[in-house]
Amino acid sequence: LSGPQGLHCSEPFQSPADLKGRTVRIPY
C-alpha cells in the first residue's frame, strides 16, 4: 500500500479547471 498517489502530468496544473478534459491513467 502507498499513498497519497502522485498525479503527474505533462503540463502544469493548479485547479480542477486546469485538469478538466485531460485524460489520465488510472490504476483502480
PDB file of all heavy atoms in Angstrom:
ATOM      1  N   LEU A   1       0.855  -1.176   0.000  1.00  0.00           N
ATOM      2  CA  LEU A   1       0.000   0.000   0.000  1.00  0.00           C
ATOM      3  C   LEU A   1       0.893   1.228   0.000  1.00  0.00           C
ATOM      4  O   LEU A   1       1.953   1.228   0.622  1.00  0.00           O
ATOM      5  CB  LEU A   1      -0.912  -0.003   1.230  1.00  0.00           C
ATOM      6  CG  LEU A   1      -1.870   1.175   1.400  1.00  0.00           C
ATOM      7  CD1 LEU A   1      -3.187   0.706   2.001  1.00  0.00           C
ATOM      8  CD2 LEU A   1      -1.256   2.237   2.317  1.00  0.00           C
ATOM      9  N   SER A   2       0.474   2.268  -0.709  1.00  0.00           N
ATOM     10  CA  SER A   2       1.152   3.554  -0.618  1.00  0.00           C
ATOM     11  C   SER A   2       0.157   4.655  -0.937  1.00  0.00           C
ATOM     12  O   SER A   2      -0.801   4.442  -1.667  1.00  0.00           O
ATOM     13  CB  SER A   2       2.339   3.633  -1.583  1.00  0.00           C
ATOM     14  OG  SER A   2       1.913   3.559  -2.929  1.00  0.00           O
ATOM     15  N   GLY A   3       0.396   5.809  -0.362  1.00  0.00           N
ATOM     16  CA  GLY A   3      -0.496   6.919  -0.615  1.00  0.00           C
ATOM     17  C   GLY A   3      -0.059   8.162   0.163  1.00  0.00           C
ATOM     18  O   GLY A   3       0.712   8.060   1.124  1.00  0.00           O
ATOM     19  N   PRO A   4      -0.496   9.320  -0.240  1.00  0.00           N
ATOM     20  CA  PRO A   4      -1.345   9.539  -1.402  1.00  0.00           C
ATOM     21  C   PRO A   4      -0.581   9.286  -2.705  1.00  0.00           C
ATOM     22  O   PRO A   4       0.639   9.425  -2.764  1.00  0.00           O
ATOM     23  CB  PRO A   4      -1.736  11.015  -1.280  1.00  0.00           C
ATOM     24  CG  PRO A   4      -0.624  11.632  -0.489  1.00  0.00           C
ATOM     25  CD  PRO A   4      -0.171  10.566   0.467  1.00  0.00           C
ATOM     26  N   GLN A   5      -1.328   8.895  -3.723  1.00  0.00           N
ATOM     27  CA  GLN A   5      -0.737   8.643  -5.023  1.00  0.00           C
ATOM     28  C   GLN A   5      -0.316   9.956  -5.688  1.00  0.00           C
ATOM     29  O   GLN A   5      -0.872  11.016  -5.407  1.00  0.00           O
ATOM     30  CB  GLN A   5      -1.759   7.927  -5.924  1.00  0.00           C
ATOM     31  CG  GLN A   5      -2.264   6.604  -5.362  1.00  0.00           C
ATOM     32  CD  GLN A   5      -1.260   5.485  -5.533  1.00  0.00           C
ATOM     33  OE1 GLN A   5      -1.073   4.970  -6.622  1.00  0.00           O
ATOM     34  NE2 GLN A   5      -0.594   5.106  -4.447  1.00  0.00           N
ATOM     35  N   GLY A   6       0.654   9.856  -6.567  1.00  0.00           N
ATOM     36  CA  GLY A   6       1.108  11.036  -7.294  1.00  0.00           C
ATOM     37  C   GLY A   6       0.329  11.221  -8.586  1.00  0.00           C
ATOM     38  O   GLY A   6       0.269  10.316  -9.423  1.00  0.00           O
ATOM     39  N   LEU A   7      -0.285  12.383  -8.746  1.00  0.00           N
ATOM     40  CA  LEU A   7      -0.932  12.751 -10.006  1.00  0.00           C
ATOM     41  C   LEU A   7       0.099  13.547 -10.797  1.00  0.00           C
ATOM     42  O   LEU A   7       0.426  14.687 -10.429  1.00  0.00           O
ATOM     43  CB  LEU A   7      -2.187  13.578  -9.741  1.00  0.00           C
ATOM     44  CG  LEU A   7      -2.898  14.145 -10.972  1.00  0.00           C
ATOM     45  CD1 LEU A   7      -3.404  13.027 -11.878  1.00  0.00           C
ATOM     46  CD2 LEU A   7      -4.051  15.066 -10.553  1.00  0.00           C
ATOM     47  N   HIS A   8       0.630  12.961 -11.853  1.00  0.00           N
ATOM     48  CA  HIS A   8       1.709  13.613 -12.598  1.00  0.00           C
ATOM     49  C   HIS A   8       1.284  13.846 -14.045  1.00  0.00           C
ATOM     50  O   HIS A   8       0.708  12.966 -14.693  1.00  0.00           O
ATOM     51  CB  HIS A   8       3.001  12.794 -12.525  1.00  0.00           C
ATOM     52  CG  HIS A   8       2.865  11.353 -12.907  1.00  0.00           C
ATOM     53  ND1 HIS A   8       3.324  10.837 -14.104  1.00  0.00           N
ATOM     54  CD2 HIS A   8       2.325  10.308 -12.232  1.00  0.00           C
ATOM     55  CE1 HIS A   8       3.082   9.542 -14.154  1.00  0.00           C
ATOM     56  NE2 HIS A   8       2.482   9.191 -13.027  1.00  0.00           N
ATOM     57  N   CYS A   9       1.567  15.049 -14.538  1.00  0.00           N
ATOM     58  CA  CYS A   9       1.077  15.475 -15.847  1.00  0.00           C
ATOM     59  C   CYS A   9       2.212  16.065 -16.688  1.00  0.00           C
ATOM     60  O   CYS A   9       3.223  16.534 -16.156  1.00  0.00           O
ATOM     61  CB  CYS A   9      -0.015  16.536 -15.690  1.00  0.00           C
ATOM     62  SG  CYS A   9      -1.494  15.950 -14.833  1.00  0.00           S
ATOM     63  N   SER A  10       1.983  16.059 -17.980  1.00  0.00           N
ATOM     64  CA  SER A  10       2.975  16.615 -18.895  1.00  0.00           C
ATOM     65  C   SER A  10       2.986  18.132 -18.883  1.00  0.00           C
ATOM     66  O   SER A  10       3.984  18.757 -19.240  1.00  0.00           O
ATOM     67  CB  SER A  10       2.700  16.108 -20.318  1.00  0.00           C
ATOM     68  OG  SER A  10       1.370  16.413 -20.699  1.00  0.00           O
ATOM     69  N   GLU A  11       1.863  18.740 -18.461  1.00  0.00           N
ATOM     70  CA  GLU A  11       1.750  20.194 -18.389  1.00  0.00           C
ATOM     71  C   GLU A  11       1.346  20.600 -16.974  1.00  0.00           C
ATOM     72  O   GLU A  11       0.673  19.840 -16.272  1.00  0.00           O
ATOM     73  CB  GLU A  11       0.715  20.716 -19.390  1.00  0.00           C
ATOM     74  CG  GLU A  11       1.046  20.415 -20.846  1.00  0.00           C
ATOM     75  CD  GLU A  11       2.278  21.157 -21.331  1.00  0.00           C
ATOM     76  OE1 GLU A  11       2.588  22.230 -20.750  1.00  0.00           O
ATOM     77  OE2 GLU A  11       2.937  20.678 -22.270  1.00  0.00           O
ATOM     78  N   PRO A  12       1.719  21.794 -16.532  1.00  0.00           N
ATOM     79  CA  PRO A  12       1.379  22.213 -15.164  1.00  0.00           C
ATOM     80  C   PRO A  12      -0.121  22.367 -14.966  1.00  0.00           C
ATOM     81  O   PRO A  12      -0.889  22.509 -15.920  1.00  0.00           O
ATOM     82  CB  PRO A  12       2.113  23.550 -15.019  1.00  0.00           C
ATOM     83  CG  PRO A  12       2.332  24.035 -16.407  1.00  0.00           C
ATOM     84  CD  PRO A  12       2.505  22.813 -17.259  1.00  0.00           C
ATOM     85  N   PHE A  13      -0.538  22.359 -13.714  1.00  0.00           N
ATOM     86  CA  PHE A  13      -1.947  22.499 -13.346  1.00  0.00           C
ATOM     87  C   PHE A  13      -2.014  22.994 -11.923  1.00  0.00           C
ATOM     88  O   PHE A  13      -1.052  22.907 -11.166  1.00  0.00           O
ATOM     89  CB  PHE A  13      -2.682  21.164 -13.495  1.00  0.00           C
ATOM     90  CG  PHE A  13      -2.107  20.054 -12.643  1.00  0.00           C
ATOM     91  CD1 PHE A  13      -2.627  19.771 -11.384  1.00  0.00           C
ATOM     92  CD2 PHE A  13      -1.029  19.303 -13.095  1.00  0.00           C
ATOM     93  CE1 PHE A  13      -2.094  18.767 -10.598  1.00  0.00           C
ATOM     94  CE2 PHE A  13      -0.477  18.291 -12.313  1.00  0.00           C
ATOM     95  CZ  PHE A  13      -1.010  18.015 -11.066  1.00  0.00           C
ATOM     96  N   GLN A  14      -3.178  23.510 -11.549  1.00  0.00           N
ATOM     97  CA  GLN A  14      -3.358  24.007 -10.193  1.00  0.00           C
ATOM     98  C   GLN A  14      -4.731  23.658  -9.642  1.00  0.00           C
ATOM     99  O   GLN A  14      -4.882  23.350  -8.473  1.00  0.00           O
ATOM    100  CB  GLN A  14      -3.172  25.532 -10.151  1.00  0.00           C
ATOM    101  CG  GLN A  14      -2.984  26.101  -8.753  1.00  0.00           C
ATOM    102  CD  GLN A  14      -1.616  25.766  -8.164  1.00  0.00           C
ATOM    103  OE1 GLN A  14      -0.609  25.804  -8.864  1.00  0.00           O
ATOM    104  NE2 GLN A  14      -1.587  25.436  -6.878  1.00  0.00           N
ATOM    105  N   SER A  15      -5.732  23.691 -10.502  1.00  0.00           N
ATOM    106  CA  SER A  15      -7.116  23.561 -10.061  1.00  0.00           C
ATOM    107  C   SER A  15      -7.858  22.546 -10.933  1.00  0.00           C
ATOM    108  O   SER A  15      -7.355  22.132 -11.991  1.00  0.00           O
ATOM    109  CB  SER A  15      -7.815  24.916 -10.161  1.00  0.00           C
ATOM    110  OG  SER A  15      -7.957  25.283 -11.530  1.00  0.00           O
ATOM    111  N   PRO A  16      -9.059  22.131 -10.521  1.00  0.00           N
ATOM    112  CA  PRO A  16      -9.862  21.253 -11.377  1.00  0.00           C
ATOM    113  C   PRO A  16     -10.119  21.841 -12.758  1.00  0.00           C
ATOM    114  O   PRO A  16     -10.201  21.093 -13.746  1.00  0.00           O
ATOM    115  CB  PRO A  16     -11.162  21.103 -10.578  1.00  0.00           C
ATOM    116  CG  PRO A  16     -10.743  21.263  -9.157  1.00  0.00           C
ATOM    117  CD  PRO A  16      -9.670  22.309  -9.189  1.00  0.00           C
ATOM    118  N   ALA A  17     -10.228  23.167 -12.838  1.00  0.00           N
ATOM    119  CA  ALA A  17     -10.449  23.791 -14.156  1.00  0.00           C
ATOM    120  C   ALA A  17      -9.280  23.514 -15.098  1.00  0.00           C
ATOM    121  O   ALA A  17      -9.476  23.330 -16.310  1.00  0.00           O
ATOM    122  CB  ALA A  17     -10.638  25.298 -13.977  1.00  0.00           C
ATOM    123  N   ASP A  18      -8.071  23.449 -14.547  1.00  0.00           N
ATOM    124  CA  ASP A  18      -6.890  23.155 -15.370  1.00  0.00           C
ATOM    125  C   ASP A  18      -6.892  21.711 -15.863  1.00  0.00           C
ATOM    126  O   ASP A  18      -6.333  21.403 -16.923  1.00  0.00           O
ATOM    127  CB  ASP A  18      -5.608  23.409 -14.579  1.00  0.00           C
ATOM    128  CG  ASP A  18      -5.474  24.850 -14.128  1.00  0.00           C
ATOM    129  OD1 ASP A  18      -5.949  25.748 -14.847  1.00  0.00           O
ATOM    130  OD2 ASP A  18      -4.917  25.071 -13.033  1.00  0.00           O
ATOM    131  N   LEU A  19      -7.471  20.810 -15.070  1.00  0.00           N
ATOM    132  CA  LEU A  19      -7.442  19.383 -15.387  1.00  0.00           C
ATOM    133  C   LEU A  19      -8.647  18.926 -16.200  1.00  0.00           C
ATOM    134  O   LEU A  19      -8.634  17.809 -16.744  1.00  0.00           O
ATOM    135  CB  LEU A  19      -7.381  18.566 -14.095  1.00  0.00           C
ATOM    136  CG  LEU A  19      -6.089  18.713 -13.275  1.00  0.00           C
ATOM    137  CD1 LEU A  19      -6.242  18.005 -11.936  1.00  0.00           C
ATOM    138  CD2 LEU A  19      -4.890  18.155 -14.037  1.00  0.00           C
ATOM    139  N   LYS A  20      -9.654  19.739 -16.297  1.00  0.00           N
ATOM    140  CA  LYS A  20     -10.877  19.342 -16.987  1.00  0.00           C
ATOM    141  C   LYS A  20     -10.582  18.938 -18.426  1.00  0.00           C
ATOM    142  O   LYS A  20      -9.945  19.674 -19.178  1.00  0.00           O
ATOM    143  CB  LYS A  20     -11.891  20.486 -16.972  1.00  0.00           C
ATOM    144  CG  LYS A  20     -13.256  20.083 -17.535  1.00  0.00           C
ATOM    145  CD  LYS A  20     -14.255  21.208 -17.380  1.00  0.00           C
ATOM    146  CE  LYS A  20     -15.638  20.779 -17.899  1.00  0.00           C
ATOM    147  NZ  LYS A  20     -16.638  21.861 -17.748  1.00  0.00           N
ATOM    148  N   GLY A  21     -11.026  17.740 -18.776  1.00  0.00           N
ATOM    149  CA  GLY A  21     -10.841  17.237 -20.131  1.00  0.00           C
ATOM    150  C   GLY A  21      -9.553  16.478 -20.352  1.00  0.00           C
ATOM    151  O   GLY A  21      -9.385  15.828 -21.393  1.00  0.00           O
ATOM    152  N   ARG A  22      -8.636  16.517 -19.409  1.00  0.00           N
ATOM    153  CA  ARG A  22      -7.387  15.781 -19.582  1.00  0.00           C
ATOM    154  C   ARG A  22      -7.637  14.279 -19.360  1.00  0.00           C
ATOM    155  O   ARG A  22      -8.407  13.877 -18.497  1.00  0.00           O
ATOM    156  CB  ARG A  22      -6.308  16.269 -18.611  1.00  0.00           C
ATOM    157  CG  ARG A  22      -5.837  17.690 -18.858  1.00  0.00           C
ATOM    158  CD  ARG A  22      -4.546  17.964 -18.113  1.00  0.00           C
ATOM    159  NE  ARG A  22      -4.266  19.391 -18.015  1.00  0.00           N
ATOM    160  CZ  ARG A  22      -3.161  19.902 -17.480  1.00  0.00           C
ATOM    161  NH1 ARG A  22      -2.241  19.094 -16.986  1.00  0.00           N
ATOM    162  NH2 ARG A  22      -2.982  21.216 -17.433  1.00  0.00           N
ATOM    163  N   THR A  23      -6.944  13.469 -20.135  1.00  0.00           N
ATOM    164  CA  THR A  23      -7.031  12.020 -19.996  1.00  0.00           C
ATOM    165  C   THR A  23      -5.961  11.552 -19.017  1.00  0.00           C
ATOM    166  O   THR A  23      -4.793  11.941 -19.121  1.00  0.00           O
ATOM    167  CB  THR A  23      -6.824  11.328 -21.352  1.00  0.00           C
ATOM    168  OG1 THR A  23      -7.815  11.793 -22.270  1.00  0.00           O
ATOM    169  CG2 THR A  23      -6.941   9.819 -21.209  1.00  0.00           C
ATOM    170  N   VAL A  24      -6.363  10.704 -18.070  1.00  0.00           N
ATOM    171  CA  VAL A  24      -5.454  10.295 -17.005  1.00  0.00           C
ATOM    172  C   VAL A  24      -5.442   8.779 -16.878  1.00  0.00           C
ATOM    173  O   VAL A  24      -6.490   8.129 -16.949  1.00  0.00           O
ATOM    174  CB  VAL A  24      -5.847  10.954 -15.666  1.00  0.00           C
ATOM    175  CG1 VAL A  24      -7.285  10.625 -15.270  1.00  0.00           C
ATOM    176  CG2 VAL A  24      -4.885  10.560 -14.543  1.00  0.00           C
ATOM    177  N   ARG A  25      -4.280   8.218 -16.695  1.00  0.00           N
ATOM    178  CA  ARG A  25      -4.157   6.791 -16.428  1.00  0.00           C
ATOM    179  C   ARG A  25      -4.625   6.521 -15.006  1.00  0.00           C
ATOM    180  O   ARG A  25      -4.227   7.189 -14.063  1.00  0.00           O
ATOM    181  CB  ARG A  25      -2.703   6.340 -16.573  1.00  0.00           C
ATOM    182  CG  ARG A  25      -2.492   4.856 -16.232  1.00  0.00           C
ATOM    183  CD  ARG A  25      -1.973   4.617 -14.843  1.00  0.00           C
ATOM    184  NE  ARG A  25      -1.837   3.161 -14.598  1.00  0.00           N
ATOM    185  CZ  ARG A  25      -1.353   2.617 -13.504  1.00  0.00           C
ATOM    186  NH1 ARG A  25      -0.973   3.391 -12.501  1.00  0.00           N
ATOM    187  NH2 ARG A  25      -1.274   1.308 -13.361  1.00  0.00           N
ATOM    188  N   ILE A  26      -5.503   5.524 -14.859  1.00  0.00           N
ATOM    189  CA  ILE A  26      -5.998   5.181 -13.529  1.00  0.00           C
ATOM    190  C   ILE A  26      -5.615   3.725 -13.216  1.00  0.00           C
ATOM    191  O   ILE A  26      -5.626   2.866 -14.095  1.00  0.00           O
ATOM    192  CB  ILE A  26      -7.522   5.404 -13.402  1.00  0.00           C
ATOM    193  CG1 ILE A  26      -8.292   4.679 -14.501  1.00  0.00           C
ATOM    194  CG2 ILE A  26      -7.838   6.884 -13.431  1.00  0.00           C
ATOM    195  CD1 ILE A  26      -8.847   3.351 -14.099  1.00  0.00           C
ATOM    196  N   PRO A  27      -5.272   3.432 -11.945  1.00  0.00           N
ATOM    197  CA  PRO A  27      -4.834   2.088 -11.581  1.00  0.00           C
ATOM    198  C   PRO A  27      -5.900   1.215 -10.922  1.00  0.00           C
ATOM    199  O   PRO A  27      -5.718   0.006 -10.821  1.00  0.00           O
ATOM    200  CB  PRO A  27      -3.694   2.361 -10.595  1.00  0.00           C
ATOM    201  CG  PRO A  27      -4.085   3.655  -9.935  1.00  0.00           C
ATOM    202  CD  PRO A  27      -4.888   4.436 -10.937  1.00  0.00           C
ATOM    203  N   TYR A  28      -7.004   1.817 -10.445  1.00  0.00           N
ATOM    204  CA  TYR A  28      -8.036   1.039  -9.754  1.00  0.00           C
ATOM    205  C   TYR A  28      -9.331   1.850  -9.759  1.00  0.00           C
ATOM    206  O   TYR A  28      -9.331   3.063 -10.006  1.00  0.00           O
ATOM    207  CB  TYR A  28      -7.620   0.691  -8.311  1.00  0.00           C
ATOM    208  CG  TYR A  28      -6.940   1.803  -7.572  1.00  0.00           C
ATOM    209  CD1 TYR A  28      -7.671   2.810  -6.952  1.00  0.00           C
ATOM    210  CD2 TYR A  28      -5.548   1.854  -7.479  1.00  0.00           C
ATOM    211  CE1 TYR A  28      -7.050   3.848  -6.274  1.00  0.00           C
ATOM    212  CE2 TYR A  28      -4.917   2.885  -6.800  1.00  0.00           C
ATOM    213  CZ  TYR A  28      -5.676   3.868  -6.200  1.00  0.00           C
ATOM    214  OH  TYR A  28      -5.052   4.882  -5.533  1.00  0.00           O
TER     215      TYR A  28
END
